[in-house]
């Protein structure tokens, strides 16, 4: 992991998003939410980019910052990273609503910001919509990755960590 990625991991920990291991020097966030979102999106490290999902699950109030961050991100291919991972977080929040509630109490639902830009509908069940999102992700990215497994991994690892921390 690069020095910049280590700084981003520290920033995540400062925002109480314990998803990746790394150096955690301070407990005070230094980046604005929009800058953090943009920086995570632009990281060359796939695991750092994936941390967008737990960030939005932990801080649904950052949804208002996601559109600001999108304007900071260049090129457009990186904007798609934000759109896909944010939309995955929307669906995973619905899927894991009960588990998230047990840990953090009531949270605001993440609003759908990007499904129109991605050309998908979120009206189906979370599982069906995640499948549709993953297929669209494959098409747009040209990467034949198990995107559903990737999205789920981010949520499950983060939730497990939060459950252990709460216990």
C-alpha atoms as a PDB file:
ATOM      1  CA  UNK A   1       0.000   0.000   0.000  1.00  0.00           C
ATOM      2  CA  UNK A   2       1.313   3.457  -0.865  1.00  0.00           C
ATOM      3  CA  UNK A   3       1.875   6.225   1.650  1.00  0.00           C
ATOM      4  CA  UNK A   4      -1.196   8.033   0.312  1.00  0.00           C
ATOM      5  CA  UNK A   5      -3.291   4.890   0.756  1.00  0.00           C
ATOM      6  CA  UNK A   6      -1.990   4.536   4.321  1.00  0.00           C
ATOM      7  CA  UNK A   7      -3.125   8.104   4.968  1.00  0.00           C
ATOM      8  CA  UNK A   8      -6.549   7.267   3.546  1.00  0.00           C
ATOM      9  CA  UNK A   9      -6.805   4.212   5.816  1.00  0.00           C
ATOM     10  CA  UNK A  10      -5.958   6.452   8.782  1.00  0.00           C
ATOM     11  CA  UNK A  11      -8.628   8.868   7.632  1.00  0.00           C
ATOM     12  CA  UNK A  12     -11.186   6.050   7.435  1.00  0.00           C
ATOM     13  CA  UNK A  13     -10.348   5.011  10.997  1.00  0.00           C
ATOM     14  CA  UNK A  14     -10.741   8.629  12.121  1.00  0.00           C
ATOM     15  CA  UNK A  15     -14.259   8.501  10.657  1.00  0.00           C
ATOM     16  CA  UNK A  16     -14.895   5.194  12.519  1.00  0.00           C
ATOM     17  CA  UNK A  17     -14.717   3.056   9.385  1.00  0.00           C
ATOM     18  CA  UNK A  18     -12.549   0.128  10.406  1.00  0.00           C
ATOM     19  CA  UNK A  19     -12.388  -1.819   7.188  1.00  0.00           C
ATOM     20  CA  UNK A  20      -8.712  -1.868   6.191  1.00  0.00           C
ATOM     21  CA  UNK A  21      -5.677  -2.362   8.375  1.00  0.00           C
ATOM     22  CA  UNK A  22      -2.926   0.194   8.268  1.00  0.00           C
ATOM     23  CA  UNK A  23      -1.291   2.972  10.201  1.00  0.00           C
ATOM     24  CA  UNK A  24      -3.834   4.899  12.319  1.00  0.00           C
ATOM     25  CA  UNK A  25      -1.939   7.845  13.830  1.00  0.00           C
ATOM     26  CA  UNK A  26      -4.707  10.288  14.709  1.00  0.00           C
ATOM     27  CA  UNK A  27      -8.323  10.200  15.660  1.00  0.00           C
ATOM     28  CA  UNK A  28      -9.287  13.537  14.133  1.00  0.00           C
ATOM     29  CA  UNK A  29     -10.365  13.527  10.476  1.00  0.00           C
ATOM     30  CA  UNK A  30      -8.265  15.817   8.301  1.00  0.00           C
ATOM     31  CA  UNK A  31     -10.185  15.555   5.024  1.00  0.00           C
ATOM     32  CA  UNK A  32     -13.668  16.785   4.307  1.00  0.00           C
ATOM     33  CA  UNK A  33     -16.081  13.971   3.458  1.00  0.00           C
ATOM     34  CA  UNK A  34     -16.181  15.025  -0.222  1.00  0.00           C
ATOM     35  CA  UNK A  35     -12.372  15.034  -0.474  1.00  0.00           C
ATOM     36  CA  UNK A  36     -12.149  11.668   1.312  1.00  0.00           C
ATOM     37  CA  UNK A  37     -14.707  10.144  -1.060  1.00  0.00           C
ATOM     38  CA  UNK A  38     -12.893  11.541  -4.105  1.00  0.00           C
ATOM     39  CA  UNK A  39      -9.492  10.372  -2.828  1.00  0.00           C
ATOM     40  CA  UNK A  40     -10.743   6.852  -2.101  1.00  0.00           C
ATOM     41  CA  UNK A  41     -12.317   6.703  -5.556  1.00  0.00           C
ATOM     42  CA  UNK A  42      -9.104   7.792  -7.267  1.00  0.00           C
ATOM     43  CA  UNK A  43      -6.847   5.367  -5.383  1.00  0.00           C
ATOM     44  CA  UNK A  44      -4.911   2.868  -7.475  1.00  0.00           C
ATOM     45  CA  UNK A  45      -5.511   0.245  -4.760  1.00  0.00           C
ATOM     46  CA  UNK A  46      -8.704  -1.781  -5.325  1.00  0.00           C
ATOM     47  CA  UNK A  47      -9.172  -2.451  -1.594  1.00  0.00           C
ATOM     48  CA  UNK A  48      -8.949   1.256  -0.832  1.00  0.00           C
ATOM     49  CA  UNK A  49     -11.544   2.007  -3.529  1.00  0.00           C
ATOM     50  CA  UNK A  50     -13.772  -0.749  -2.116  1.00  0.00           C
ATOM     51  CA  UNK A  51     -13.753   0.979   1.274  1.00  0.00           C
ATOM     52  CA  UNK A  52     -16.259   3.435  -0.206  1.00  0.00           C
ATOM     53  CA  UNK A  53     -18.967   0.864   0.547  1.00  0.00           C
ATOM     54  CA  UNK A  54     -18.322   0.662   4.309  1.00  0.00           C
ATOM     55  CA  UNK A  55     -17.827   4.442   4.408  1.00  0.00           C
ATOM     56  CA  UNK A  56     -21.339   5.024   3.063  1.00  0.00           C
ATOM     57  CA  UNK A  57     -22.815   2.262   5.221  1.00  0.00           C
ATOM     58  CA  UNK A  58     -21.288   3.844   8.342  1.00  0.00           C
ATOM     59  CA  UNK A  59     -22.033   7.424   7.303  1.00  0.00           C
ATOM     60  CA  UNK A  60     -25.208   7.622   5.223  1.00  0.00           C
ATOM     61  CA  UNK A  61     -25.144  11.368   5.877  1.00  0.00           C
ATOM     62  CA  UNK A  62     -22.189  11.498   3.457  1.00  0.00           C
ATOM     63  CA  UNK A  63     -24.630  10.836   0.616  1.00  0.00           C
ATOM     64  CA  UNK A  64     -24.901  14.607   0.172  1.00  0.00           C
ATOM     65  CA  UNK A  65     -21.116  14.707  -0.245  1.00  0.00           C
ATOM     66  CA  UNK A  66     -21.060  11.977  -2.913  1.00  0.00           C
ATOM     67  CA  UNK A  67     -22.333  14.277  -5.643  1.00  0.00           C
ATOM     68  CA  UNK A  68     -19.826  16.967  -4.614  1.00  0.00           C
ATOM     69  CA  UNK A  69     -17.066  14.358  -4.724  1.00  0.00           C
ATOM     70  CA  UNK A  70     -18.155  13.240  -8.179  1.00  0.00           C
ATOM     71  CA  UNK A  71     -17.332  16.737  -9.454  1.00  0.00           C
ATOM     72  CA  UNK A  72     -13.801  16.464  -8.005  1.00  0.00           C
ATOM     73  CA  UNK A  73     -13.089  13.138  -9.724  1.00  0.00           C
ATOM     74  CA  UNK A  74     -11.400  12.890 -13.084  1.00  0.00           C
ATOM     75  CA  UNK A  75     -11.490  11.090 -15.510  1.00  0.00           C
ATOM     76  CA  UNK A  76     -15.044   9.855 -16.023  1.00  0.00           C
ATOM     77  CA  UNK A  77     -13.930   6.234 -15.649  1.00  0.00           C
ATOM     78  CA  UNK A  78     -13.144   7.002 -11.998  1.00  0.00           C
ATOM     79  CA  UNK A  79     -16.566   8.621 -11.597  1.00  0.00           C
ATOM     80  CA  UNK A  80     -18.058   5.250 -12.484  1.00  0.00           C
ATOM     81  CA  UNK A  81     -16.185   3.692  -9.552  1.00  0.00           C
ATOM     82  CA  UNK A  82     -17.949   6.077  -7.181  1.00  0.00           C
ATOM     83  CA  UNK A  83     -21.317   5.537  -8.843  1.00  0.00           C
ATOM     84  CA  UNK A  84     -21.102   1.748  -8.696  1.00  0.00           C
ATOM     85  CA  UNK A  85     -19.792   1.490  -5.137  1.00  0.00           C
ATOM     86  CA  UNK A  86     -22.205   4.111  -3.817  1.00  0.00           C
ATOM     87  CA  UNK A  87     -25.138   2.322  -5.480  1.00  0.00           C
ATOM     88  CA  UNK A  88     -23.908  -0.997  -4.077  1.00  0.00           C
ATOM     89  CA  UNK A  89     -23.901   0.625  -0.625  1.00  0.00           C
ATOM     90  CA  UNK A  90     -27.511   1.764  -1.148  1.00  0.00           C
ATOM     91  CA  UNK A  91     -28.549  -1.816  -1.883  1.00  0.00           C
ATOM     92  CA  UNK A  92     -26.396  -3.381   0.833  1.00  0.00           C
ATOM     93  CA  UNK A  93     -27.842  -0.977   3.391  1.00  0.00           C
ATOM     94  CA  UNK A  94     -31.289  -2.291   2.467  1.00  0.00           C
ATOM     95  CA  UNK A  95     -30.111  -5.900   2.590  1.00  0.00           C
ATOM     96  CA  UNK A  96     -28.309  -5.592   5.947  1.00  0.00           C
ATOM     97  CA  UNK A  97     -30.682  -3.075   7.522  1.00  0.00           C
ATOM     98  CA  UNK A  98     -31.341  -5.207  10.613  1.00  0.00           C
ATOM     99  CA  UNK A  99     -27.649  -5.876  11.312  1.00  0.00           C
ATOM    100  CA  UNK A 100     -26.754  -2.218  10.848  1.00  0.00           C
ATOM    101  CA  UNK A 101     -29.624  -1.209  13.144  1.00  0.00           C
ATOM    102  CA  UNK A 102     -28.395  -3.583  15.878  1.00  0.00           C
ATOM    103  CA  UNK A 103     -24.956  -1.980  15.814  1.00  0.00           C
ATOM    104  CA  UNK A 104     -25.682   1.711  15.193  1.00  0.00           C
ATOM    105  CA  UNK A 105     -29.384   2.181  15.808  1.00  0.00           C
ATOM    106  CA  UNK A 106     -31.603   3.945  13.317  1.00  0.00           C
ATOM    107  CA  UNK A 107     -29.801   5.437  10.339  1.00  0.00           C
ATOM    108  CA  UNK A 108     -31.014   7.502   7.434  1.00  0.00           C
ATOM    109  CA  UNK A 109     -31.511   5.508   4.264  1.00  0.00           C
ATOM    110  CA  UNK A 110     -28.988   6.210   1.534  1.00  0.00           C
ATOM    111  CA  UNK A 111     -30.824   7.949  -1.305  1.00  0.00           C
ATOM    112  CA  UNK A 112     -30.506   6.646  -4.841  1.00  0.00           C
ATOM    113  CA  UNK A 113     -28.206   9.138  -6.546  1.00  0.00           C
ATOM    114  CA  UNK A 114     -26.690   7.299  -9.475  1.00  0.00           C
ATOM    115  CA  UNK A 115     -28.916   4.469 -10.760  1.00  0.00           C
ATOM    116  CA  UNK A 116     -30.220   6.696 -13.558  1.00  0.00           C
ATOM    117  CA  UNK A 117     -26.674   7.519 -14.684  1.00  0.00           C
ATOM    118  CA  UNK A 118     -25.829   3.811 -14.548  1.00  0.00           C
ATOM    119  CA  UNK A 119     -28.937   2.836 -16.502  1.00  0.00           C
ATOM    120  CA  UNK A 120     -30.373   0.478 -13.890  1.00  0.00           C
ATOM    121  CA  UNK A 121     -33.446   0.303 -11.679  1.00  0.00           C
ATOM    122  CA  UNK A 122     -33.377  -0.249  -7.929  1.00  0.00           C
ATOM    123  CA  UNK A 123     -37.049  -1.238  -7.713  1.00  0.00           C
ATOM    124  CA  UNK A 124     -36.330  -4.976  -7.405  1.00  0.00           C
ATOM    125  CA  UNK A 125     -35.247  -6.786  -4.249  1.00  0.00           C
ATOM    126  CA  UNK A 126     -31.744  -5.862  -3.062  1.00  0.00           C
ATOM    127  CA  UNK A 127     -30.406  -9.215  -4.321  1.00  0.00           C
ATOM    128  CA  UNK A 128     -31.933  -8.733  -7.780  1.00  0.00           C
ATOM    129  CA  UNK A 129     -30.809  -5.122  -7.989  1.00  0.00           C
ATOM    130  CA  UNK A 130     -27.262  -6.077  -6.889  1.00  0.00           C
ATOM    131  CA  UNK A 131     -27.191  -8.662  -9.673  1.00  0.00           C
ATOM    132  CA  UNK A 132     -28.301  -6.049 -12.197  1.00  0.00           C
ATOM    133  CA  UNK A 133     -25.724  -3.597 -10.845  1.00  0.00           C
ATOM    134  CA  UNK A 134     -22.949  -6.201 -11.074  1.00  0.00           C
ATOM    135  CA  UNK A 135     -23.810  -7.008 -14.690  1.00  0.00           C
ATOM    136  CA  UNK A 136     -23.777  -3.331 -15.571  1.00  0.00           C
ATOM    137  CA  UNK A 137     -20.452  -2.940 -13.737  1.00  0.00           C
ATOM    138  CA  UNK A 138     -18.958  -5.741 -15.861  1.00  0.00           C
ATOM    139  CA  UNK A 139     -20.245  -4.130 -19.047  1.00  0.00           C
ATOM    140  CA  UNK A 140     -19.055  -0.601 -18.334  1.00  0.00           C
ATOM    141  CA  UNK A 141     -15.717  -1.519 -16.730  1.00  0.00           C
ATOM    142  CA  UNK A 142     -14.883  -4.367 -19.102  1.00  0.00           C
ATOM    143  CA  UNK A 143     -13.674  -6.272 -16.034  1.00  0.00           C
ATOM    144  CA  UNK A 144     -15.193  -9.719 -15.607  1.00  0.00           C
ATOM    145  CA  UNK A 145     -14.966  -9.668 -11.842  1.00  0.00           C
ATOM    146  CA  UNK A 146     -17.433 -11.229  -9.413  1.00  0.00           C
ATOM    147  CA  UNK A 147     -18.816  -7.811  -8.563  1.00  0.00           C
ATOM    148  CA  UNK A 148     -21.621  -9.142  -6.356  1.00  0.00           C
ATOM    149  CA  UNK A 149     -19.050 -11.037  -4.299  1.00  0.00           C
ATOM    150  CA  UNK A 150     -16.886  -7.916  -4.169  1.00  0.00           C
ATOM    151  CA  UNK A 151     -19.736  -5.713  -2.938  1.00  0.00           C
ATOM    152  CA  UNK A 152     -20.859  -8.339  -0.412  1.00  0.00           C
ATOM    153  CA  UNK A 153     -17.301  -8.856   0.843  1.00  0.00           C
ATOM    154  CA  UNK A 154     -16.973  -5.168   1.702  1.00  0.00           C
ATOM    155  CA  UNK A 155     -20.223  -5.136   3.671  1.00  0.00           C
ATOM    156  CA  UNK A 156     -19.666  -8.462   5.426  1.00  0.00           C
ATOM    157  CA  UNK A 157     -16.075  -7.787   6.524  1.00  0.00           C
ATOM    158  CA  UNK A 158     -17.021  -4.346   7.813  1.00  0.00           C
ATOM    159  CA  UNK A 159     -20.134  -5.613   9.623  1.00  0.00           C
ATOM    160  CA  UNK A 160     -18.148  -8.423  11.233  1.00  0.00           C
ATOM    161  CA  UNK A 161     -15.558  -5.914  12.464  1.00  0.00           C
ATOM    162  CA  UNK A 162     -18.275  -3.635  13.844  1.00  0.00           C
ATOM    163  CA  UNK A 163     -19.990  -6.554  15.622  1.00  0.00           C
ATOM    164  CA  UNK A 164     -16.680  -7.559  17.239  1.00  0.00           C
ATOM    165  CA  UNK A 165     -16.034  -3.987  18.304  1.00  0.00           C
ATOM    166  CA  UNK A 166     -19.505  -3.711  19.849  1.00  0.00           C
ATOM    167  CA  UNK A 167     -19.194  -7.006  21.773  1.00  0.00           C
END
